[in-house]
Amino acid sequence: MKNYIIALSLLVSGNISSQITVGKSSATSAPASASVSIEFGDATGGVRGIVLPWATSENAVATATTAPITGTLFFDSLAKKVKFGSSATSNATAVSQWVDLSAGAFLPVSTVGVADANAEVGTAKTVISADAASAAANTTNGILVLADTNKAMVLPRVNSYADIVNPSPGMIVYVTGTTPQQLAVYNGREWSFWRP
């Protein structure tokens, strides 16, 4: 029943026009700044991350009519890696290479990261944009598409990745309690870290 409610909520919410916060503990729902499209958690840290969409490969991310765009993130459930779509040339919008953000981490056992076919939402898509017309016309392939061209997404911030008691494969957080601060991704067995 819970899966049906989630799927229905995603289908009904199809296009959202606003700034959104998820998981803030304070009473305000205002994001940290006007340049935020979606913000996860509190600026002071937390104990939760965001789990990226799962797909079986880079090819599975594309559809027959839509190729993935640069900036696409997903958890490759066959390779057990978090992948980021980029391009070798500047200002390109099409993905020409996939960067393994789990590089250096040990691969998890084969039973970790196996997608639950019953939990898939199908073709549900949510577009978040301040401009309702551009949100409605958006054709980007994705489950959650942040369509604003002048706003960004703020990842969940944690003081330490170890504060997350039971991380899920494909989880991503921004660790603020280290110097320098770093992006952390979890492949089902180990965390990998990327520093700015």
N, C-alpha and C. Protein backbone atom coordinates (compact mmCIF):
# COMPACT_ATOMS: atom_id res chain seq x y z
N MET A 1 0.82 -1.19 0.00
CA MET A 1 0.00 0.00 0.00
C MET A 1 0.86 1.26 0.00
N LYS A 2 1.97 1.21 0.79
CA LYS A 2 2.85 2.36 0.88
C LYS A 2 3.43 2.71 -0.49
N ASN A 3 3.83 1.69 -1.28
CA ASN A 3 4.38 1.93 -2.61
C ASN A 3 3.36 2.60 -3.52
N TYR A 4 2.09 2.22 -3.39
CA TYR A 4 1.05 2.84 -4.21
C TYR A 4 0.87 4.31 -3.84
N ILE A 5 0.93 4.61 -2.56
CA ILE A 5 0.78 5.99 -2.12
C ILE A 5 1.94 6.84 -2.62
N ILE A 6 3.15 6.31 -2.53
CA ILE A 6 4.33 7.04 -3.02
C ILE A 6 4.22 7.26 -4.52
N ALA A 7 3.87 6.22 -5.27
CA ALA A 7 3.75 6.34 -6.72
C ALA A 7 2.67 7.35 -7.09
N LEU A 8 1.53 7.30 -6.39
CA LEU A 8 0.44 8.24 -6.67
C LEU A 8 0.88 9.66 -6.36
N SER A 9 1.59 9.84 -5.26
CA SER A 9 2.07 11.18 -4.90
C SER A 9 3.00 11.73 -5.96
N LEU A 10 3.90 10.89 -6.48
CA LEU A 10 4.82 11.33 -7.52
C LEU A 10 4.08 11.68 -8.81
N LEU A 11 3.12 10.87 -9.17
CA LEU A 11 2.36 11.14 -10.39
C LEU A 11 1.54 12.41 -10.28
N VAL A 12 0.90 12.61 -9.14
CA VAL A 12 0.06 13.80 -8.94
C VAL A 12 0.92 15.05 -8.88
N SER A 13 2.09 14.94 -8.23
CA SER A 13 2.93 16.12 -8.08
C SER A 13 3.72 16.44 -9.32
N GLY A 14 3.69 15.59 -10.34
CA GLY A 14 4.39 15.74 -11.61
C GLY A 14 5.27 16.94 -11.77
N ASN A 15 4.74 18.13 -11.74
CA ASN A 15 5.52 19.35 -11.90
C ASN A 15 5.30 20.24 -10.68
N ILE A 16 6.41 20.64 -10.05
CA ILE A 16 6.33 21.49 -8.87
C ILE A 16 7.07 22.78 -9.17
N SER A 17 6.48 23.90 -8.83
CA SER A 17 7.11 25.19 -9.08
C SER A 17 7.39 25.89 -7.76
N SER A 18 8.60 25.70 -7.21
CA SER A 18 8.94 26.38 -5.97
C SER A 18 10.32 25.95 -5.51
N GLN A 19 10.72 26.51 -4.36
CA GLN A 19 11.90 26.04 -3.66
C GLN A 19 11.42 25.04 -2.63
N ILE A 20 12.20 23.99 -2.39
CA ILE A 20 11.76 22.92 -1.51
C ILE A 20 12.87 22.57 -0.53
N THR A 21 12.46 22.27 0.71
CA THR A 21 13.38 21.71 1.68
C THR A 21 12.84 20.37 2.13
N VAL A 22 13.74 19.44 2.39
CA VAL A 22 13.36 18.11 2.83
C VAL A 22 14.18 17.76 4.06
N GLY A 23 13.51 17.40 5.15
CA GLY A 23 14.20 16.91 6.33
C GLY A 23 14.82 17.97 7.22
N LYS A 24 14.36 19.22 7.14
CA LYS A 24 14.88 20.23 8.06
C LYS A 24 14.21 20.06 9.42
N SER A 25 14.97 20.20 10.48
CA SER A 25 14.41 20.02 11.82
C SER A 25 13.78 21.30 12.36
N SER A 26 14.15 22.45 11.80
CA SER A 26 13.56 23.70 12.28
C SER A 26 12.17 23.88 11.69
N ALA A 27 11.41 24.75 12.30
CA ALA A 27 10.03 24.94 11.87
C ALA A 27 9.91 25.59 10.50
N THR A 28 10.93 26.32 10.09
CA THR A 28 10.87 27.00 8.80
C THR A 28 11.14 26.04 7.66
N SER A 29 10.49 26.28 6.56
CA SER A 29 10.77 25.46 5.38
C SER A 29 11.60 26.25 4.38
N ALA A 30 12.07 27.42 4.77
CA ALA A 30 12.85 28.25 3.86
C ALA A 30 14.23 27.64 3.64
N PRO A 31 14.70 27.60 2.39
CA PRO A 31 16.05 27.10 2.12
C PRO A 31 17.11 28.08 2.61
N ALA A 32 18.35 27.64 2.59
CA ALA A 32 19.46 28.45 3.09
C ALA A 32 19.60 29.76 2.33
N SER A 33 19.30 29.77 1.04
CA SER A 33 19.38 31.00 0.25
C SER A 33 18.46 30.92 -0.95
N ALA A 34 18.31 32.04 -1.64
CA ALA A 34 17.44 32.10 -2.81
C ALA A 34 18.00 31.30 -3.98
N SER A 35 19.26 30.91 -3.92
CA SER A 35 19.87 30.16 -5.01
C SER A 35 19.69 28.65 -4.87
N VAL A 36 18.86 28.23 -3.90
CA VAL A 36 18.63 26.81 -3.66
C VAL A 36 17.30 26.38 -4.27
N SER A 37 17.35 25.35 -5.11
CA SER A 37 16.15 24.78 -5.69
C SER A 37 15.57 23.73 -4.76
N ILE A 38 16.42 22.84 -4.24
CA ILE A 38 16.00 21.83 -3.26
C ILE A 38 17.14 21.63 -2.27
N GLU A 39 16.79 21.59 -0.99
CA GLU A 39 17.77 21.45 0.07
C GLU A 39 17.38 20.28 0.97
N PHE A 40 18.34 19.42 1.26
CA PHE A 40 18.11 18.26 2.11
C PHE A 40 18.78 18.48 3.46
N GLY A 41 18.00 18.42 4.54
CA GLY A 41 18.55 18.49 5.89
C GLY A 41 18.92 19.88 6.34
N ASP A 42 19.53 19.94 7.51
CA ASP A 42 19.93 21.19 8.14
C ASP A 42 21.36 21.55 7.78
N ALA A 43 21.65 22.83 7.77
CA ALA A 43 23.00 23.31 7.46
C ALA A 43 24.00 22.87 8.52
N THR A 44 23.53 22.59 9.74
CA THR A 44 24.42 22.20 10.83
C THR A 44 24.73 20.71 10.85
N GLY A 45 24.13 19.94 9.97
CA GLY A 45 24.43 18.51 9.90
C GLY A 45 23.26 17.65 10.32
N GLY A 46 23.40 16.36 10.09
CA GLY A 46 22.35 15.41 10.41
C GLY A 46 22.88 14.00 10.36
N VAL A 47 21.98 13.02 10.28
CA VAL A 47 22.38 11.62 10.28
C VAL A 47 21.70 10.86 9.14
N ARG A 48 21.28 11.56 8.09
CA ARG A 48 20.63 10.92 6.97
C ARG A 48 21.25 11.38 5.66
N GLY A 49 21.14 10.53 4.64
CA GLY A 49 21.61 10.89 3.32
C GLY A 49 20.49 10.76 2.32
N ILE A 50 20.79 11.01 1.07
CA ILE A 50 19.82 10.85 -0.01
C ILE A 50 20.28 9.66 -0.84
N VAL A 51 19.34 8.79 -1.22
CA VAL A 51 19.67 7.62 -2.03
C VAL A 51 19.37 7.95 -3.49
N LEU A 52 20.37 7.78 -4.32
CA LEU A 52 20.23 8.07 -5.75
C LEU A 52 19.36 7.02 -6.43
N PRO A 53 18.79 7.35 -7.59
CA PRO A 53 18.03 6.35 -8.35
C PRO A 53 18.94 5.19 -8.76
N TRP A 54 18.37 4.00 -8.79
CA TRP A 54 19.10 2.80 -9.21
C TRP A 54 18.78 2.49 -10.66
N ALA A 55 19.80 2.12 -11.41
CA ALA A 55 19.63 1.63 -12.78
C ALA A 55 20.64 0.51 -12.99
N THR A 56 20.42 -0.35 -13.95
CA THR A 56 21.30 -1.50 -14.15
C THR A 56 22.56 -1.18 -14.94
N SER A 57 22.62 -0.03 -15.60
CA SER A 57 23.81 0.35 -16.36
C SER A 57 23.64 1.76 -16.89
N GLU A 58 24.71 2.29 -17.52
CA GLU A 58 24.61 3.60 -18.18
C GLU A 58 23.55 3.57 -19.28
N ASN A 59 23.51 2.48 -20.04
CA ASN A 59 22.55 2.38 -21.13
C ASN A 59 21.11 2.38 -20.64
N ALA A 60 20.88 1.85 -19.44
CA ALA A 60 19.52 1.81 -18.90
C ALA A 60 19.03 3.20 -18.50
N VAL A 61 19.95 4.15 -18.32
CA VAL A 61 19.57 5.51 -17.94
C VAL A 61 18.96 6.25 -19.14
N ALA A 62 19.37 5.89 -20.33
CA ALA A 62 18.84 6.52 -21.54
C ALA A 62 17.52 5.85 -21.94
N THR A 63 16.70 6.59 -22.64
CA THR A 63 15.49 6.03 -23.21
C THR A 63 15.65 6.02 -24.72
N ALA A 64 14.66 5.50 -25.41
CA ALA A 64 14.73 5.45 -26.87
C ALA A 64 14.79 6.84 -27.49
N THR A 65 14.22 7.83 -26.80
CA THR A 65 14.18 9.18 -27.36
C THR A 65 15.01 10.20 -26.61
N THR A 66 15.47 9.88 -25.41
CA THR A 66 16.17 10.87 -24.59
C THR A 66 17.47 10.29 -24.04
N ALA A 67 18.57 10.98 -24.36
CA ALA A 67 19.88 10.59 -23.82
C ALA A 67 20.09 11.29 -22.49
N PRO A 68 20.90 10.73 -21.59
CA PRO A 68 21.17 11.41 -20.32
C PRO A 68 21.96 12.70 -20.56
N ILE A 69 21.73 13.68 -19.69
CA ILE A 69 22.45 14.95 -19.80
C ILE A 69 23.55 15.02 -18.76
N THR A 70 24.53 15.90 -18.98
CA THR A 70 25.63 16.06 -18.03
C THR A 70 25.07 16.44 -16.66
N GLY A 71 25.69 15.94 -15.63
CA GLY A 71 25.21 16.17 -14.27
C GLY A 71 24.33 15.06 -13.74
N THR A 72 24.01 14.07 -14.58
CA THR A 72 23.18 12.94 -14.16
C THR A 72 23.93 12.09 -13.14
N LEU A 73 23.27 11.73 -12.06
CA LEU A 73 23.83 10.86 -11.02
C LEU A 73 22.92 9.65 -10.84
N PHE A 74 23.50 8.46 -10.69
CA PHE A 74 22.70 7.27 -10.40
C PHE A 74 23.57 6.20 -9.78
N PHE A 75 22.92 5.19 -9.16
CA PHE A 75 23.62 4.04 -8.60
C PHE A 75 23.48 2.90 -9.60
N ASP A 76 24.61 2.42 -10.13
CA ASP A 76 24.63 1.30 -11.07
C ASP A 76 24.51 0.02 -10.24
N SER A 77 23.33 -0.60 -10.26
CA SER A 77 23.07 -1.74 -9.38
C SER A 77 23.79 -3.01 -9.83
N LEU A 78 24.26 -3.08 -11.07
CA LEU A 78 25.05 -4.24 -11.51
C LEU A 78 26.52 -4.06 -11.16
N ALA A 79 27.07 -2.89 -11.45
CA ALA A 79 28.49 -2.63 -11.17
C ALA A 79 28.72 -2.25 -9.71
N LYS A 80 27.64 -1.91 -8.98
CA LYS A 80 27.72 -1.51 -7.56
C LYS A 80 28.56 -0.25 -7.40
N LYS A 81 28.26 0.75 -8.25
CA LYS A 81 29.02 2.00 -8.23
C LYS A 81 28.08 3.19 -8.40
N VAL A 82 28.44 4.30 -7.77
CA VAL A 82 27.74 5.55 -8.01
C VAL A 82 28.41 6.21 -9.20
N LYS A 83 27.62 6.61 -10.20
CA LYS A 83 28.18 7.17 -11.43
C LYS A 83 27.64 8.56 -11.71
N PHE A 84 28.51 9.39 -12.30
CA PHE A 84 28.22 10.78 -12.62
C PHE A 84 28.46 10.99 -14.10
N GLY A 85 27.47 11.52 -14.80
CA GLY A 85 27.60 11.77 -16.24
C GLY A 85 28.25 13.10 -16.52
N SER A 86 29.30 13.07 -17.34
CA SER A 86 30.00 14.31 -17.70
C SER A 86 30.34 14.29 -19.17
N SER A 87 31.00 15.34 -19.61
CA SER A 87 31.39 15.45 -21.02
C SER A 87 32.85 15.86 -21.09
N ALA A 88 33.53 15.42 -22.12
CA ALA A 88 34.94 15.76 -22.31
C ALA A 88 35.10 17.18 -22.83
N THR A 89 34.04 17.76 -23.37
CA THR A 89 34.11 19.12 -23.91
C THR A 89 33.25 20.06 -23.07
N SER A 90 33.69 21.30 -22.97
CA SER A 90 32.94 22.26 -22.17
C SER A 90 31.64 22.65 -22.88
N ASN A 91 30.66 23.01 -22.10
CA ASN A 91 29.34 23.44 -22.57
C ASN A 91 28.55 22.36 -23.31
N ALA A 92 29.00 21.13 -23.27
CA ALA A 92 28.23 20.04 -23.90
C ALA A 92 27.11 19.63 -22.96
N THR A 93 25.98 19.25 -23.52
CA THR A 93 24.86 18.83 -22.68
C THR A 93 24.70 17.31 -22.65
N ALA A 94 25.24 16.61 -23.63
CA ALA A 94 25.11 15.16 -23.68
C ALA A 94 26.25 14.49 -22.92
N VAL A 95 25.94 13.42 -22.22
CA VAL A 95 26.96 12.66 -21.49
C VAL A 95 27.83 11.91 -22.49
N SER A 96 29.14 12.11 -22.39
CA SER A 96 30.08 11.37 -23.24
C SER A 96 30.95 10.42 -22.42
N GLN A 97 30.91 10.58 -21.10
CA GLN A 97 31.68 9.69 -20.23
C GLN A 97 31.02 9.61 -18.87
N TRP A 98 31.20 8.46 -18.21
CA TRP A 98 30.65 8.26 -16.87
C TRP A 98 31.81 8.18 -15.89
N VAL A 99 31.78 9.02 -14.87
CA VAL A 99 32.82 9.04 -13.84
C VAL A 99 32.35 8.17 -12.68
N ASP A 100 33.21 7.26 -12.27
CA ASP A 100 32.91 6.36 -11.15
C ASP A 100 33.22 7.07 -9.84
N LEU A 101 32.18 7.49 -9.13
CA LEU A 101 32.38 8.17 -7.85
C LEU A 101 32.68 7.19 -6.72
N SER A 102 32.57 5.89 -6.99
CA SER A 102 32.90 4.86 -5.99
C SER A 102 34.32 4.35 -6.16
N ALA A 103 35.11 5.03 -6.98
CA ALA A 103 36.47 4.59 -7.28
C ALA A 103 37.26 4.39 -5.99
N GLY A 104 37.94 3.27 -5.90
CA GLY A 104 38.78 2.97 -4.76
C GLY A 104 38.10 2.18 -3.66
N ALA A 105 36.78 2.11 -3.68
CA ALA A 105 36.05 1.36 -2.65
C ALA A 105 35.98 -0.11 -3.03
N PHE A 106 36.01 -0.98 -2.04
CA PHE A 106 35.82 -2.40 -2.30
C PHE A 106 34.39 -2.64 -2.77
N LEU A 107 34.23 -3.57 -3.70
CA LEU A 107 32.88 -3.90 -4.17
C LEU A 107 32.14 -4.67 -3.09
N PRO A 108 30.85 -4.39 -2.94
CA PRO A 108 30.06 -5.14 -1.95
C PRO A 108 29.78 -6.55 -2.44
N VAL A 109 29.24 -7.37 -1.56
CA VAL A 109 28.86 -8.72 -1.96
C VAL A 109 27.75 -8.63 -3.00
N SER A 110 27.56 -9.70 -3.76
CA SER A 110 26.63 -9.66 -4.90
C SER A 110 25.18 -9.42 -4.50
N THR A 111 24.81 -9.71 -3.26
CA THR A 111 23.41 -9.51 -2.85
C THR A 111 23.11 -8.06 -2.47
N VAL A 112 24.16 -7.23 -2.33
CA VAL A 112 23.95 -5.82 -2.01
C VAL A 112 23.70 -5.06 -3.31
N GLY A 113 22.72 -4.20 -3.29
CA GLY A 113 22.45 -3.39 -4.47
C GLY A 113 21.62 -4.10 -5.52
N VAL A 114 20.89 -5.13 -5.14
CA VAL A 114 20.00 -5.82 -6.07
C VAL A 114 18.66 -5.11 -6.02
N ALA A 115 18.24 -4.58 -7.17
CA ALA A 115 17.01 -3.78 -7.20
C ALA A 115 15.79 -4.63 -6.88
N ASP A 116 14.86 -4.03 -6.17
CA ASP A 116 13.58 -4.67 -5.86
C ASP A 116 12.60 -4.29 -6.96
N ALA A 117 12.27 -5.23 -7.82
CA ALA A 117 11.40 -4.96 -8.97
C ALA A 117 10.04 -4.46 -8.53
N ASN A 118 9.58 -4.87 -7.36
CA ASN A 118 8.26 -4.45 -6.88
C ASN A 118 8.25 -3.01 -6.39
N ALA A 119 9.43 -2.44 -6.14
CA ALA A 119 9.49 -1.08 -5.60
C ALA A 119 9.65 -0.02 -6.68
N GLU A 120 9.78 -0.42 -7.93
CA GLU A 120 10.00 0.55 -8.99
C GLU A 120 8.74 1.36 -9.26
N VAL A 121 8.93 2.63 -9.55
CA VAL A 121 7.82 3.54 -9.75
C VAL A 121 7.44 3.64 -11.22
N GLY A 122 8.21 3.05 -12.10
CA GLY A 122 7.91 3.12 -13.53
C GLY A 122 8.41 4.41 -14.14
N THR A 123 7.55 5.11 -14.84
CA THR A 123 7.97 6.32 -15.53
C THR A 123 7.61 7.58 -14.78
N ALA A 124 7.32 7.49 -13.50
CA ALA A 124 6.98 8.68 -12.72
C ALA A 124 8.13 9.67 -12.76
N LYS A 125 7.81 10.94 -12.84
CA LYS A 125 8.83 11.98 -12.95
C LYS A 125 8.33 13.22 -12.23
N THR A 126 9.21 13.86 -11.47
CA THR A 126 8.90 15.12 -10.83
C THR A 126 9.91 16.15 -11.32
N VAL A 127 9.40 17.28 -11.79
CA VAL A 127 10.23 18.39 -12.24
C VAL A 127 10.03 19.54 -11.26
N ILE A 128 11.13 20.06 -10.74
CA ILE A 128 11.06 21.20 -9.83
C ILE A 128 11.68 22.39 -10.54
N SER A 129 10.90 23.47 -10.64
CA SER A 129 11.36 24.68 -11.31
C SER A 129 10.53 25.86 -10.83
N ALA A 130 11.15 27.03 -10.75
CA ALA A 130 10.41 28.24 -10.38
C ALA A 130 9.49 28.67 -11.52
N ASP A 131 9.80 28.23 -12.74
CA ASP A 131 9.01 28.58 -13.91
C ASP A 131 8.12 27.41 -14.29
N ALA A 132 6.82 27.53 -14.04
CA ALA A 132 5.88 26.43 -14.29
C ALA A 132 5.85 26.01 -15.75
N ALA A 133 5.99 26.96 -16.67
CA ALA A 133 5.94 26.64 -18.10
C ALA A 133 7.14 25.78 -18.51
N SER A 134 8.33 26.12 -18.01
CA SER A 134 9.50 25.31 -18.38
C SER A 134 9.45 23.95 -17.70
N ALA A 135 8.86 23.87 -16.51
CA ALA A 135 8.72 22.57 -15.83
C ALA A 135 7.79 21.66 -16.61
N ALA A 136 6.68 22.21 -17.11
CA ALA A 136 5.71 21.41 -17.86
C ALA A 136 6.28 20.93 -19.18
N ALA A 137 7.17 21.72 -19.79
CA ALA A 137 7.73 21.37 -21.10
C ALA A 137 9.02 20.55 -21.01
N ASN A 138 9.49 20.29 -19.80
CA ASN A 138 10.77 19.62 -19.62
C ASN A 138 10.72 18.18 -20.09
N THR A 139 11.68 17.78 -20.93
CA THR A 139 11.75 16.41 -21.47
C THR A 139 12.96 15.64 -20.95
N THR A 140 13.67 16.19 -19.97
CA THR A 140 14.85 15.52 -19.43
C THR A 140 14.47 14.17 -18.84
N ASN A 141 15.26 13.15 -19.14
CA ASN A 141 15.03 11.82 -18.63
C ASN A 141 15.50 11.75 -17.18
N GLY A 142 14.59 11.49 -16.25
CA GLY A 142 14.97 11.38 -14.85
C GLY A 142 13.76 11.22 -13.95
N ILE A 143 14.00 10.78 -12.73
CA ILE A 143 12.94 10.62 -11.74
C ILE A 143 12.68 11.96 -11.06
N LEU A 144 13.74 12.64 -10.66
CA LEU A 144 13.65 13.96 -10.05
C LEU A 144 14.54 14.88 -10.87
N VAL A 145 13.94 15.86 -11.53
CA VAL A 145 14.69 16.78 -12.39
C VAL A 145 14.58 18.18 -11.80
N LEU A 146 15.73 18.78 -11.49
CA LEU A 146 15.77 20.16 -11.02
C LEU A 146 16.04 21.01 -12.25
N ALA A 147 15.00 21.69 -12.74
CA ALA A 147 15.07 22.35 -14.04
C ALA A 147 15.48 23.81 -13.99
N ASP A 148 15.62 24.40 -12.81
CA ASP A 148 16.04 25.80 -12.74
C ASP A 148 17.44 25.95 -13.31
N THR A 149 17.68 27.04 -14.00
CA THR A 149 19.01 27.29 -14.56
C THR A 149 19.82 28.24 -13.68
N ASN A 150 19.22 28.75 -12.61
CA ASN A 150 19.93 29.68 -11.73
C ASN A 150 19.85 29.26 -10.26
N LYS A 151 19.54 27.99 -10.00
CA LYS A 151 19.47 27.48 -8.63
C LYS A 151 20.19 26.13 -8.56
N ALA A 152 20.52 25.70 -7.35
CA ALA A 152 21.27 24.46 -7.17
C ALA A 152 20.60 23.58 -6.12
N MET A 153 21.07 22.33 -6.03
CA MET A 153 20.60 21.40 -5.02
C MET A 153 21.64 21.34 -3.91
N VAL A 154 21.19 21.34 -2.66
CA VAL A 154 22.08 21.20 -1.52
C VAL A 154 21.90 19.80 -0.97
N LEU A 155 22.98 19.01 -0.97
CA LEU A 155 22.94 17.64 -0.47
C LEU A 155 22.77 17.62 1.04
N PRO A 156 22.34 16.48 1.60
CA PRO A 156 22.29 16.35 3.05
C PRO A 156 23.70 16.53 3.62
N ARG A 157 23.81 17.31 4.69
CA ARG A 157 25.09 17.56 5.33
C ARG A 157 25.16 16.75 6.62
N VAL A 158 26.29 16.08 6.83
CA VAL A 158 26.51 15.31 8.05
C VAL A 158 27.86 15.70 8.62
N ASN A 159 28.00 15.61 9.94
CA ASN A 159 29.29 15.89 10.56
C ASN A 159 30.29 14.78 10.22
N SER A 160 29.78 13.53 10.17
CA SER A 160 30.62 12.38 9.83
C SER A 160 29.75 11.34 9.13
N TYR A 161 30.29 10.70 8.11
CA TYR A 161 29.55 9.63 7.45
C TYR A 161 29.25 8.50 8.42
N ALA A 162 30.06 8.35 9.46
CA ALA A 162 29.86 7.29 10.46
C ALA A 162 28.60 7.54 11.30
N ASP A 163 28.07 8.76 11.27
CA ASP A 163 26.83 9.06 12.00
C ASP A 163 25.63 8.37 11.37
N ILE A 164 25.74 7.95 10.12
CA ILE A 164 24.65 7.26 9.44
C ILE A 164 24.75 5.79 9.81
N VAL A 165 23.84 5.32 10.62
CA VAL A 165 23.93 4.00 11.22
C VAL A 165 23.76 2.89 10.19
N ASN A 166 22.82 3.03 9.28
CA ASN A 166 22.51 1.97 8.31
C ASN A 166 22.41 2.56 6.91
N PRO A 167 23.55 2.91 6.28
CA PRO A 167 23.47 3.53 4.95
C PRO A 167 22.98 2.55 3.89
N SER A 168 22.36 3.08 2.86
CA SER A 168 21.85 2.27 1.75
C SER A 168 22.75 2.43 0.53
N PRO A 169 22.86 1.39 -0.32
CA PRO A 169 23.64 1.52 -1.54
C PRO A 169 23.12 2.68 -2.39
N GLY A 170 24.04 3.48 -2.91
CA GLY A 170 23.67 4.64 -3.71
C GLY A 170 23.46 5.89 -2.89
N MET A 171 23.78 5.85 -1.59
CA MET A 171 23.58 7.02 -0.73
C MET A 171 24.69 8.04 -0.98
N ILE A 172 24.31 9.32 -0.91
CA ILE A 172 25.26 10.41 -1.10
C ILE A 172 25.02 11.47 -0.04
N VAL A 173 26.11 11.99 0.56
CA VAL A 173 26.03 13.03 1.58
C VAL A 173 27.22 13.97 1.41
N TYR A 174 27.14 15.13 2.05
CA TYR A 174 28.26 16.06 2.09
C TYR A 174 28.75 16.11 3.53
N VAL A 175 30.02 15.74 3.76
CA VAL A 175 30.58 15.65 5.10
C VAL A 175 31.20 16.99 5.48
N THR A 176 30.65 17.62 6.52
CA THR A 176 31.12 18.95 6.92
C THR A 176 32.12 18.91 8.07
N GLY A 177 32.23 17.77 8.76
CA GLY A 177 33.09 17.69 9.95
C GLY A 177 34.53 17.35 9.65
N THR A 178 34.93 17.41 8.38
CA THR A 178 36.32 17.10 8.02
C THR A 178 36.97 18.34 7.41
N THR A 179 38.27 18.36 7.38
CA THR A 179 39.00 19.44 6.71
C THR A 179 39.91 18.80 5.68
N PRO A 180 39.71 19.04 4.40
CA PRO A 180 38.62 19.82 3.82
C PRO A 180 37.30 19.03 3.84
N GLN A 181 36.21 19.75 3.67
CA GLN A 181 34.91 19.10 3.59
C GLN A 181 34.87 18.25 2.33
N GLN A 182 34.00 17.21 2.31
CA GLN A 182 34.05 16.28 1.18
C GLN A 182 32.69 15.65 0.89
N LEU A 183 32.55 15.21 -0.35
CA LEU A 183 31.38 14.47 -0.81
C LEU A 183 31.64 13.00 -0.51
N ALA A 184 30.64 12.29 0.04
CA ALA A 184 30.79 10.87 0.34
C ALA A 184 29.68 10.08 -0.34
N VAL A 185 30.04 8.98 -1.01
CA VAL A 185 29.06 8.10 -1.65
C VAL A 185 29.26 6.69 -1.13
N TYR A 186 28.15 5.94 -1.00
CA TYR A 186 28.18 4.60 -0.42
C TYR A 186 27.74 3.58 -1.46
N ASN A 187 28.54 2.53 -1.67
CA ASN A 187 28.23 1.55 -2.71
C ASN A 187 27.61 0.26 -2.17
N GLY A 188 27.27 0.23 -0.89
CA GLY A 188 26.70 -0.96 -0.29
C GLY A 188 27.69 -1.68 0.61
N ARG A 189 28.97 -1.31 0.50
CA ARG A 189 29.99 -1.90 1.36
C ARG A 189 30.89 -0.84 1.98
N GLU A 190 31.28 0.15 1.18
CA GLU A 190 32.24 1.14 1.63
C GLU A 190 31.86 2.53 1.14
N TRP A 191 32.30 3.52 1.89
CA TRP A 191 32.16 4.91 1.48
C TRP A 191 33.35 5.31 0.62
N SER A 192 33.12 6.13 -0.41
CA SER A 192 34.18 6.74 -1.22
C SER A 192 34.07 8.24 -1.01
N PHE A 193 35.19 8.94 -1.13
CA PHE A 193 35.19 10.36 -0.82
C PHE A 193 35.75 11.18 -1.97
N TRP A 194 35.14 12.32 -2.19
CA TRP A 194 35.58 13.26 -3.23
C TRP A 194 35.73 14.62 -2.58
N ARG A 195 36.90 15.19 -2.76
CA ARG A 195 37.17 16.50 -2.16
C ARG A 195 37.16 17.56 -3.24
N PRO A 196 36.63 18.75 -2.90
CA PRO A 196 36.62 19.85 -3.89
C PRO A 196 38.00 20.35 -4.18
